Protein backbone atom coordinates (compact mmCIF):
# COMPACT_ATOMS: atom_id res chain seq x y z
CA UNK A 1 65.02 -57.79 -1.89
CA UNK A 2 66.08 -61.57 -1.03
CA UNK A 3 67.94 -62.36 -4.06
CA UNK A 4 70.83 -64.72 -2.62
CA UNK A 5 71.06 -68.07 -1.23
CA UNK A 6 70.71 -68.89 2.30
CA UNK A 7 67.64 -66.73 3.34
CA UNK A 8 63.97 -67.39 4.06
CA UNK A 9 62.31 -65.97 1.05
CA UNK A 10 58.66 -67.22 1.18
CA UNK A 11 56.29 -68.74 3.25
CA UNK A 12 53.05 -71.07 2.67
CA UNK A 13 50.30 -72.48 4.78
CA UNK A 14 49.09 -75.60 3.88
CA UNK A 15 45.93 -76.16 5.21
CA UNK A 16 42.49 -78.20 5.32
CA UNK A 17 40.40 -75.35 5.24
CA UNK A 18 41.29 -72.41 2.88
CA UNK A 19 38.26 -70.18 3.27
CA UNK A 20 38.42 -70.93 7.62
CA UNK A 21 41.82 -70.13 7.49
CA UNK A 22 41.90 -67.02 4.96
CA UNK A 23 39.33 -65.27 7.56
CA UNK A 24 41.23 -66.71 10.82
CA UNK A 25 44.61 -64.52 9.52
CA UNK A 26 42.86 -61.84 8.36
CA UNK A 27 41.27 -61.35 11.95
CA UNK A 28 44.73 -62.36 13.84
CA UNK A 29 47.42 -60.86 11.76
CA UNK A 30 45.63 -58.20 9.82
CA UNK A 31 46.57 -59.61 6.25
CA UNK A 32 44.28 -58.64 3.63
CA UNK A 33 43.95 -61.66 0.73
CA UNK A 34 44.62 -61.69 -3.39
CA UNK A 35 43.39 -64.65 -5.49
CA UNK A 36 46.21 -66.11 -7.43
CA UNK A 37 44.33 -69.27 -8.50
CA UNK A 38 46.01 -71.12 -11.44
CA UNK A 39 43.73 -73.72 -13.46
CA UNK A 40 45.31 -76.54 -11.44
CA UNK A 41 45.45 -74.88 -8.00
CA UNK A 42 43.76 -73.13 -5.70
CA UNK A 43 46.04 -70.11 -4.38
CA UNK A 44 45.44 -67.39 -2.28
CA UNK A 45 48.14 -64.48 -1.08
CA UNK A 46 48.01 -62.86 2.08
CA UNK A 47 49.00 -59.63 1.94
CA UNK A 48 50.40 -56.77 4.15
CA UNK A 49 49.60 -53.42 2.52
CA UNK A 50 50.43 -53.98 -0.73
CA UNK A 51 53.41 -56.49 -0.32
CA UNK A 52 52.67 -60.04 -0.47
CA UNK A 53 53.82 -62.11 2.69
CA UNK A 54 52.82 -65.58 2.09
CA UNK A 55 50.74 -67.65 0.51
CA UNK A 56 47.63 -70.17 1.03
CA UNK A 57 46.99 -73.50 -0.32
CA UNK A 58 45.08 -76.54 -0.17
CA UNK A 59 46.88 -79.68 2.01
CA UNK A 60 47.63 -81.86 -0.84
CA UNK A 61 45.57 -84.89 -0.72
CA UNK A 62 48.54 -87.49 -1.14
CA UNK A 63 49.84 -85.41 1.53
CA UNK A 64 47.02 -86.36 4.10
CA UNK A 65 47.00 -89.97 2.94
CA UNK A 66 50.69 -90.27 4.17
CA UNK A 67 49.45 -88.39 7.71
CA UNK A 68 50.53 -85.11 7.08
CA UNK A 69 48.81 -82.37 8.91
CA UNK A 70 48.13 -78.43 8.27
CA UNK A 71 51.37 -76.55 8.71
CA UNK A 72 53.21 -73.53 7.92
CA UNK A 73 56.10 -74.08 5.45
CA UNK A 74 59.51 -71.83 5.31
CA UNK A 75 60.83 -71.41 1.66
CA UNK A 76 64.80 -70.61 1.56
CA UNK A 77 66.18 -68.89 -1.53
CA UNK A 78 69.22 -70.76 -3.05
CA UNK A 79 71.42 -70.38 -6.22
CA UNK A 80 70.20 -74.05 -7.83
CA UNK A 81 66.94 -75.80 -5.96
CA UNK A 82 68.47 -79.39 -7.95
CA UNK A 83 71.71 -79.00 -6.45
CA UNK A 84 70.73 -78.12 -3.22
CA UNK A 85 68.06 -80.79 -2.81
CA UNK A 86 70.89 -83.49 -3.92
CA UNK A 87 73.05 -81.97 -1.12
CA UNK A 88 69.80 -82.70 1.45
CA UNK A 89 69.78 -86.23 0.74
CA UNK A 90 73.61 -86.55 0.57
CA UNK A 91 74.01 -84.83 3.78
CA UNK A 92 71.16 -87.22 5.78
CA UNK A 93 68.14 -85.55 4.61
CA UNK A 94 65.14 -86.36 2.79
CA UNK A 95 63.49 -85.06 -0.56
CA UNK A 96 59.67 -85.15 -0.57
CA UNK A 97 59.05 -83.10 -3.51
CA UNK A 98 61.83 -83.40 -6.16
CA UNK A 99 62.98 -80.27 -7.79
CA UNK A 100 59.58 -78.65 -10.04
CA UNK A 101 58.50 -75.68 -11.43
CA UNK A 102 55.57 -74.41 -9.77
CA UNK A 103 53.42 -71.38 -9.33
CA UNK A 104 55.74 -69.51 -7.25
CA UNK A 105 59.05 -70.50 -8.86
CA UNK A 106 61.42 -73.79 -8.77
CA UNK A 107 60.80 -75.62 -5.90
CA UNK A 108 61.60 -78.62 -3.61
CA UNK A 109 60.28 -79.88 -0.43
CA UNK A 110 62.76 -81.57 1.82
CA UNK A 111 63.30 -82.30 5.32
CA UNK A 112 66.67 -82.21 7.61
CA UNK A 113 68.13 -85.32 9.27
CA UNK A 114 65.57 -84.61 12.49
CA UNK A 115 62.81 -84.66 9.98
CA UNK A 116 61.98 -81.05 10.11
CA UNK A 117 60.63 -79.47 7.17
CA UNK A 118 61.31 -76.93 4.50
CA UNK A 119 61.24 -76.07 0.95
CA UNK A 120 63.92 -74.55 -1.40
CA UNK A 121 63.34 -71.65 -4.13
CA UNK A 122 64.91 -70.28 -6.87
CA UNK A 123 63.47 -67.30 -9.20
CA UNK A 124 60.56 -66.45 -7.31
CA UNK A 125 57.71 -64.73 -8.93
CA UNK A 126 57.45 -60.96 -8.86
CA UNK A 127 55.37 -59.68 -5.73
CA UNK A 128 56.46 -62.90 -3.71
CA UNK A 129 60.19 -61.86 -2.58
CA UNK A 130 60.26 -61.07 1.19
CA UNK A 131 62.23 -57.67 2.32
CA UNK A 132 65.09 -58.28 4.03
CA UNK A 133 63.54 -55.93 7.22
CA UNK A 134 62.18 -58.13 10.12
CA UNK A 135 60.51 -55.59 12.17
CA UNK A 136 57.76 -54.68 9.38
CA UNK A 137 54.22 -55.39 10.62
CA UNK A 138 52.58 -58.23 9.30
CA UNK A 139 55.72 -59.61 8.16
CA UNK A 140 57.73 -62.60 9.81
CA UNK A 141 59.98 -61.38 11.70
CA UNK A 142 61.81 -64.44 13.41
CA UNK A 143 62.66 -68.22 12.34
CA UNK A 144 62.94 -70.77 14.83
CA UNK A 145 63.95 -74.13 14.80
CA UNK A 146 62.97 -76.26 17.55
CA UNK A 147 65.53 -79.48 17.03
CA UNK A 148 65.75 -82.75 17.93
CA UNK A 149 69.66 -81.92 18.65
CA UNK A 150 70.18 -78.27 18.01
CA UNK A 151 74.01 -78.77 18.05
CA UNK A 152 73.45 -81.46 14.95
CA UNK A 153 70.76 -79.23 13.23
CA UNK A 154 73.02 -76.19 12.94
CA UNK A 155 76.12 -78.23 12.00
CA UNK A 156 73.73 -79.58 8.79
CA UNK A 157 72.24 -76.45 7.87
CA UNK A 158 75.17 -74.30 8.13
CA UNK A 159 76.95 -76.76 5.23
CA UNK A 160 73.99 -76.10 3.21
CA UNK A 161 73.02 -72.28 3.55
CA UNK A 162 76.32 -71.18 4.95
CA UNK A 163 74.22 -69.68 8.19
CA UNK A 164 76.62 -68.38 10.74
CA UNK A 165 76.94 -68.56 14.54
CA UNK A 166 75.35 -65.38 16.34
CA UNK A 167 74.73 -64.63 19.79
CA UNK A 168 74.05 -67.56 21.77
CA UNK A 169 71.80 -68.07 25.25
CA UNK A 170 73.49 -70.65 27.20
CA UNK A 171 71.00 -72.48 29.89
CA UNK A 172 71.76 -75.27 32.51
CA UNK A 173 71.10 -77.94 29.92
CA UNK A 174 71.04 -76.49 26.39
CA UNK A 175 71.90 -73.74 24.11
CA UNK A 176 69.38 -71.49 22.20
CA UNK A 177 72.00 -70.46 19.26
CA UNK A 178 70.98 -67.50 17.03
CA UNK A 179 71.84 -67.78 13.55
CA UNK A 180 72.86 -64.94 10.67
CA UNK A 181 72.50 -65.06 7.25
CA UNK A 182 74.47 -62.60 4.83
CA UNK A 183 75.14 -60.73 8.14
CA UNK A 184 71.88 -60.16 9.32
CA UNK A 185 70.48 -62.38 12.57
CA UNK A 186 67.44 -63.48 11.37
CA UNK A 187 66.43 -67.03 13.94
CA UNK A 188 67.29 -69.26 16.30
CA UNK A 189 67.42 -72.87 17.41
CA UNK A 190 67.69 -75.26 19.90
CA UNK A 191 66.82 -78.61 21.24
CA UNK A 192 62.76 -78.81 21.29
CA UNK A 193 61.15 -79.89 24.84
CA UNK A 194 60.64 -83.61 24.67
CA UNK A 195 56.69 -83.33 25.15
CA UNK A 196 56.91 -81.64 21.50
CA UNK A 197 56.43 -84.96 19.56
CA UNK A 198 58.54 -83.77 16.35
CA UNK A 199 61.15 -81.35 15.06
CA UNK A 200 59.67 -78.15 13.43
CA UNK A 201 60.07 -74.72 11.96
CA UNK A 202 58.31 -72.10 13.92
CA UNK A 203 57.62 -68.56 12.30
CA UNK A 204 56.68 -65.68 14.31
CA UNK A 205 54.39 -62.87 12.81
CA UNK A 206 55.02 -59.43 13.75
CA UNK A 207 51.57 -57.52 14.99
CA UNK A 208 50.94 -54.71 16.98
CA UNK A 209 49.31 -55.55 20.48
CA UNK A 210 50.09 -58.88 21.85
CA UNK A 211 47.02 -59.13 24.22
CA UNK A 212 44.46 -58.14 21.37
CA UNK A 213 46.05 -60.67 18.83
CA UNK A 214 45.99 -63.44 21.77
CA UNK A 215 42.30 -62.49 21.81
CA UNK A 216 41.55 -62.58 18.33
CA UNK A 217 43.38 -66.12 18.22
CA UNK A 218 41.17 -67.87 21.04
CA UNK A 219 37.66 -65.76 19.51
CA UNK A 220 39.03 -67.49 16.35
CA UNK A 221 38.79 -70.97 17.44
CA UNK A 222 42.70 -70.75 17.71
CA UNK A 223 44.88 -71.76 20.69
CA UNK A 224 47.37 -70.06 22.37
CA UNK A 225 49.72 -72.96 23.56
CA UNK A 226 52.51 -70.60 25.24
CA UNK A 227 52.30 -67.03 26.39
CA UNK A 228 52.23 -64.19 26.00
CA UNK A 229 55.75 -63.98 27.42
CA UNK A 230 58.21 -61.07 27.57
CA UNK A 231 61.83 -60.66 25.53
CA UNK A 232 64.43 -58.31 26.64
CA UNK A 233 63.56 -54.68 24.96
CA UNK A 234 59.40 -55.02 25.53
CA UNK A 235 58.72 -57.53 22.87
CA UNK A 236 56.16 -60.18 23.66
CA UNK A 237 55.53 -63.45 22.27
CA UNK A 238 52.91 -65.96 21.91
CA UNK A 239 53.26 -69.72 20.55
CA UNK A 240 49.61 -70.08 18.87
CA UNK A 241 47.62 -73.02 16.52
CA UNK A 242 44.99 -71.91 14.27
CA UNK A 243 41.53 -73.91 14.04
CA UNK A 244 43.09 -76.30 11.65
CA UNK A 245 46.26 -77.40 13.85
CA UNK A 246 49.08 -75.19 12.00
CA UNK A 247 51.10 -74.05 14.54
CA UNK A 248 52.99 -70.54 14.22
CA UNK A 249 53.61 -67.38 16.53
CA UNK A 250 53.30 -63.97 17.06
CA UNK A 251 55.10 -61.42 18.26
CA UNK A 252 54.15 -57.45 19.54
CA UNK A 253 54.19 -55.36 22.36
CA UNK A 254 51.84 -55.04 25.29
CA UNK A 255 50.27 -51.73 25.50
CA UNK A 256 48.92 -51.86 28.34
CA UNK A 257 50.88 -53.23 32.02
CA UNK A 258 49.25 -56.96 32.38
CA UNK A 259 50.76 -59.50 34.65
CA UNK A 260 54.60 -58.70 34.19
CA UNK A 261 57.08 -61.56 33.99
CA UNK A 262 60.72 -60.40 34.29
CA UNK A 263 62.93 -61.83 31.71
CA UNK A 264 65.88 -62.50 34.35
CA UNK A 265 65.40 -64.82 37.12
CA UNK A 266 68.24 -65.58 39.61
CA UNK A 267 71.12 -64.28 36.75
CA UNK A 268 69.55 -65.96 33.90
CA UNK A 269 68.36 -64.05 31.26
CA UNK A 270 66.86 -64.60 28.12
CA UNK A 271 68.84 -63.18 24.75
CA UNK A 272 66.76 -65.19 22.30
CA UNK A 273 63.51 -66.95 22.68
CA UNK A 274 62.12 -68.01 25.81
CA UNK A 275 62.05 -71.98 26.54
CA UNK A 276 60.27 -74.84 28.86
CA UNK A 277 62.25 -75.96 31.39
CA UNK A 278 62.86 -79.41 32.38
CA UNK A 279 61.35 -80.95 34.16
CA UNK A 280 59.05 -77.66 35.26
CA UNK A 281 57.54 -77.49 31.59
CA UNK A 282 57.32 -73.58 32.09
CA UNK A 283 59.44 -71.02 30.58
CA UNK A 284 62.64 -70.34 32.09
CA UNK A 285 61.64 -66.71 32.53
CA UNK A 286 59.55 -67.72 35.16
CA UNK A 287 60.83 -69.03 38.33
CA UNK A 288 61.79 -72.74 38.25
CA UNK A 289 59.27 -74.66 40.59
CA UNK A 290 61.98 -77.46 41.31
CA UNK A 291 64.07 -74.54 42.97
CA UNK A 292 61.25 -72.25 43.97
CA UNK A 293 57.97 -74.12 44.84
CA UNK A 294 54.89 -72.11 44.83
CA UNK A 295 54.89 -71.68 48.57
CA UNK A 296 58.55 -70.08 47.57
CA UNK A 297 58.95 -67.21 50.46
CA UNK A 298 61.69 -66.05 48.18
CA UNK A 299 61.57 -62.20 47.83
CA UNK A 300 59.80 -61.30 44.60
CA UNK A 301 58.37 -65.04 43.79
CA UNK A 302 55.36 -65.47 42.02
CA UNK A 303 52.75 -68.34 41.43
CA UNK A 304 53.47 -69.80 37.89
CA UNK A 305 50.55 -70.12 35.95
CA UNK A 306 49.64 -73.25 34.28
CA UNK A 307 50.85 -74.12 31.34
CA UNK A 308 49.34 -75.41 28.11
CA UNK A 309 49.92 -78.71 26.81
CA UNK A 310 52.00 -79.48 23.39
CA UNK A 311 50.55 -78.67 20.26
CA UNK A 312 49.80 -81.12 17.67
CA UNK A 313 52.54 -82.40 15.37
CA UNK A 314 53.01 -79.53 12.94
C-alpha cells in the first residue's frame, strides 16, 4: 500500500454532473460505485472489484466562479501536508486550498509554477489507499505531466517529492522524461504541444480492450481526443474527454488487428507515451507529414488519419 512521501495515493473527479459522470465511468472503465457522502458533502467512491480506486464529487461553486472546469485531480502522499504546501509556495507554486482536514484525510490543493494542479494528502482514510502495482485493471497505470517546460517541471517536483529520473525518450525537439518514486517508474513528463492551452496532469486508467473502451467513450457522449495509439509491447492508449469536459486517458490491449501503426519510424522509437509532432500535429509514431507528405512514395508510408482538436482546458 502507499504509505510514504512522493507516491500518488488517490484520484478524484470534480464535475458538474455527478450522476452522469458515475454512469459514464461505470460503463467505460467498468467501475462500481459506493456512496460515501457526509452531511456536508456528496461523495461517491469508484471501485474496481472491492477496492476503492478514486472519488467523485461536485465541482465546488466557488471554484466554478473562478473559472474552474471539470477535472481529474491526483493526490500525492506526503509526510507533512503543511510543510509541503509551504514548500510549494517557496519554490514558486501556489496553494489554492490551504491544508485542511477532509473526508479522505488532511489535504491541500496546490499548483506548480506552470499552473498544473494536484493535491497533497496525509493520513488517507481506510479503503482509500492505492496499491503499488500499476497494472491492475481499473486502476491508474500511468501519470503524465504535460508541462509548459518539461525540464523545469522535473526540477521542481524532484525537489518536492524526491522523484528520480528514469529512462528518457529523446526526440528532435524535446524529451519525454520518465520518473520514479521509491524505485518504481510511475509516469513521465514533457513539454506539451503549443495547441494545448494549459499545463495539466493526465491519468491513464487500465482497461481491457482499447477499441471497445473507445467506442464506449463515444457512445456515452465523450470524445476521443487522440488515439488509439500503439506503444512498444503491444499496449494501446487513447486520450479522452468525458461528457462534462474532464480529460483522462485509457490504456489497454487490442483484441483484434485493426489499422496498425508502427511505433518506430525512421529509427525513432517511443519508449514512453506518444506525443504530437510540431508542426504536423500527428503523433510521432506516425509518419511526419513535413518529412513524408501524403503523396510520399516512401516504402511502407501510410496516409495519416486526421487528428482531433485539442481538449478543453482541464
